[in-house]
Amino acid sequence: MKLTKEKSILIIAPSLIAESISLKLTSLDNDLNVSLDRNDPKVNPDLIIWNILNYESEDLIHLELIRIKEKWSDTKMLIIISNEFITEDSQLPNLSCEGLMLNPQVEKVLESINIILEG
């Protein structure tokens, strides 16, 4: 499954994880324009993938999500949550974003990117 060349993606995650996600996605679709530097002023992504490994509170995630959306107000969000801190008794956080995935395979991430960007 390929995306159009014009789409750019910013990955927000610890550097090794961001690099791994980027390599996996671009190995499936070499037309992706992936950036890993959220501080680069030239970055204007169509989609942000935010990989959340753990958190102390849902409120902190909401605050960071607000900061991200303030900086890139027209950008769609796909949040990937590591299942390390999700237990059988806990629920996924209620976040305002276009996509929320729990520990997905890279093929599913690419499929979700396509769905989110193409509508």
Protein backbone atom coordinates (compact mmCIF):
# COMPACT_ATOMS: atom_id res chain seq x y z
CA MET A 1 0.00 0.00 0.00
CA LYS A 2 1.56 3.30 -1.08
CA LEU A 3 0.87 6.89 -0.21
CA THR A 4 1.20 9.84 -2.53
CA LYS A 5 4.63 11.48 -2.65
CA GLU A 6 3.41 14.83 -1.36
CA LYS A 7 2.58 13.56 2.14
CA SER A 8 5.03 14.27 4.94
CA ILE A 9 5.13 12.58 8.32
CA LEU A 10 6.72 13.67 11.58
CA ILE A 11 7.49 10.94 14.10
CA ILE A 12 7.63 11.97 17.75
CA ALA A 13 9.28 9.25 19.81
CA PRO A 14 12.58 8.51 21.51
CA SER A 15 15.27 8.60 18.82
CA LEU A 16 15.91 4.86 18.42
CA ILE A 17 12.20 4.09 18.28
CA ALA A 18 11.57 6.96 15.85
CA GLU A 19 14.37 5.73 13.60
CA SER A 20 13.03 2.19 13.74
CA ILE A 21 9.48 3.29 12.85
CA SER A 22 10.83 5.45 10.03
CA LEU A 23 12.95 2.64 8.58
CA LYS A 24 10.09 0.16 8.76
CA LEU A 25 7.61 2.54 7.13
CA THR A 26 9.97 3.66 4.37
CA SER A 27 10.91 0.04 3.64
CA LEU A 28 7.24 -0.55 2.84
CA ASP A 29 6.78 2.73 0.99
CA ASN A 30 9.90 4.59 -0.15
CA ASP A 31 7.76 7.59 -1.24
CA LEU A 32 7.16 8.64 2.36
CA ASN A 33 8.78 11.89 3.46
CA VAL A 34 9.55 11.18 7.13
CA SER A 35 11.04 13.68 9.57
CA LEU A 36 12.27 12.88 13.07
CA ASP A 37 13.13 16.41 14.26
CA ARG A 38 10.16 18.16 15.84
CA ASN A 39 12.29 21.27 16.41
CA ASP A 40 13.11 21.76 12.72
CA PRO A 41 11.30 24.98 11.70
CA LYS A 42 10.97 23.72 8.11
CA VAL A 43 8.91 20.71 9.17
CA ASN A 44 5.23 21.10 8.26
CA PRO A 45 3.83 17.57 8.40
CA ASP A 46 0.55 16.29 7.02
CA LEU A 47 0.54 13.67 9.80
CA ILE A 48 2.26 13.32 13.16
CA ILE A 49 2.89 9.87 14.58
CA TRP A 50 3.36 10.16 18.33
CA ASN A 51 4.64 7.01 19.99
CA ILE A 52 3.85 7.04 23.70
CA LEU A 53 5.90 4.51 25.64
CA ASN A 54 4.65 5.30 29.12
CA TYR A 55 3.08 8.08 31.05
CA GLU A 56 2.48 9.18 34.58
CA SER A 57 -0.99 10.51 33.95
CA GLU A 58 -3.54 10.95 31.20
CA ASP A 59 -3.54 14.67 32.00
CA LEU A 60 0.13 14.95 30.99
CA ILE A 61 -0.66 13.30 27.66
CA HIS A 62 -3.52 15.76 27.11
CA LEU A 63 -1.21 18.71 27.87
CA GLU A 64 1.44 17.50 25.44
CA LEU A 65 -1.21 16.85 22.80
CA ILE A 66 -2.41 20.45 23.20
CA ARG A 67 1.17 21.71 22.75
CA ILE A 68 1.62 19.63 19.62
CA LYS A 69 -1.69 20.81 18.15
CA GLU A 70 -0.85 24.43 18.94
CA LYS A 71 2.36 24.13 16.94
CA TRP A 72 0.83 22.17 14.04
CA SER A 73 -2.87 23.07 14.16
CA ASP A 74 -3.81 21.66 10.72
CA THR A 75 -1.89 18.41 11.14
CA LYS A 76 -3.60 15.08 11.73
CA MET A 77 -2.44 12.88 14.63
CA LEU A 78 -1.88 9.15 14.88
CA ILE A 79 -1.00 8.09 18.42
CA ILE A 80 0.66 4.74 19.03
CA ILE A 81 0.64 3.47 22.60
CA SER A 82 2.99 0.83 23.91
CA ASN A 83 1.14 -1.94 25.69
CA GLU A 84 3.73 -2.09 28.47
CA PHE A 85 1.60 0.10 30.72
CA ILE A 86 -1.84 -1.03 29.58
CA THR A 87 -3.26 -3.78 31.77
CA GLU A 88 -6.44 -5.80 31.48
CA ASP A 89 -8.10 -3.49 34.00
CA SER A 90 -7.03 -0.22 32.38
CA GLN A 91 -8.57 1.62 29.46
CA LEU A 92 -6.91 3.42 26.59
CA PRO A 93 -6.75 7.15 27.26
CA ASN A 94 -9.51 9.25 25.73
CA LEU A 95 -7.53 11.46 23.32
CA SER A 96 -8.61 13.89 20.64
CA CYS A 97 -6.81 12.56 17.57
CA GLU A 98 -7.52 11.00 14.17
CA GLY A 99 -6.06 7.61 15.11
CA LEU A 100 -5.14 5.67 18.24
CA MET A 101 -3.37 2.30 18.04
CA LEU A 102 -2.14 -0.11 20.67
CA ASN A 103 1.18 -1.79 19.79
CA PRO A 104 0.41 -2.20 16.05
CA GLN A 105 2.36 -3.96 13.33
CA VAL A 106 4.04 -1.61 10.83
CA GLU A 107 1.70 -2.70 8.04
CA LYS A 108 -1.29 -1.59 10.13
CA VAL A 109 0.42 1.74 10.83
CA LEU A 110 0.91 2.32 7.09
CA GLU A 111 -2.70 1.34 6.43
CA SER A 112 -3.86 3.78 9.14
CA ILE A 113 -1.71 6.56 7.70
CA ASN A 114 -3.36 6.05 4.35
CA ILE A 115 -6.85 6.03 5.85
CA ILE A 116 -6.22 9.17 7.91
CA LEU A 117 -4.63 11.15 5.08
CA GLU A 118 -6.97 10.05 2.34
CA GLY A 119 -10.13 10.27 4.46
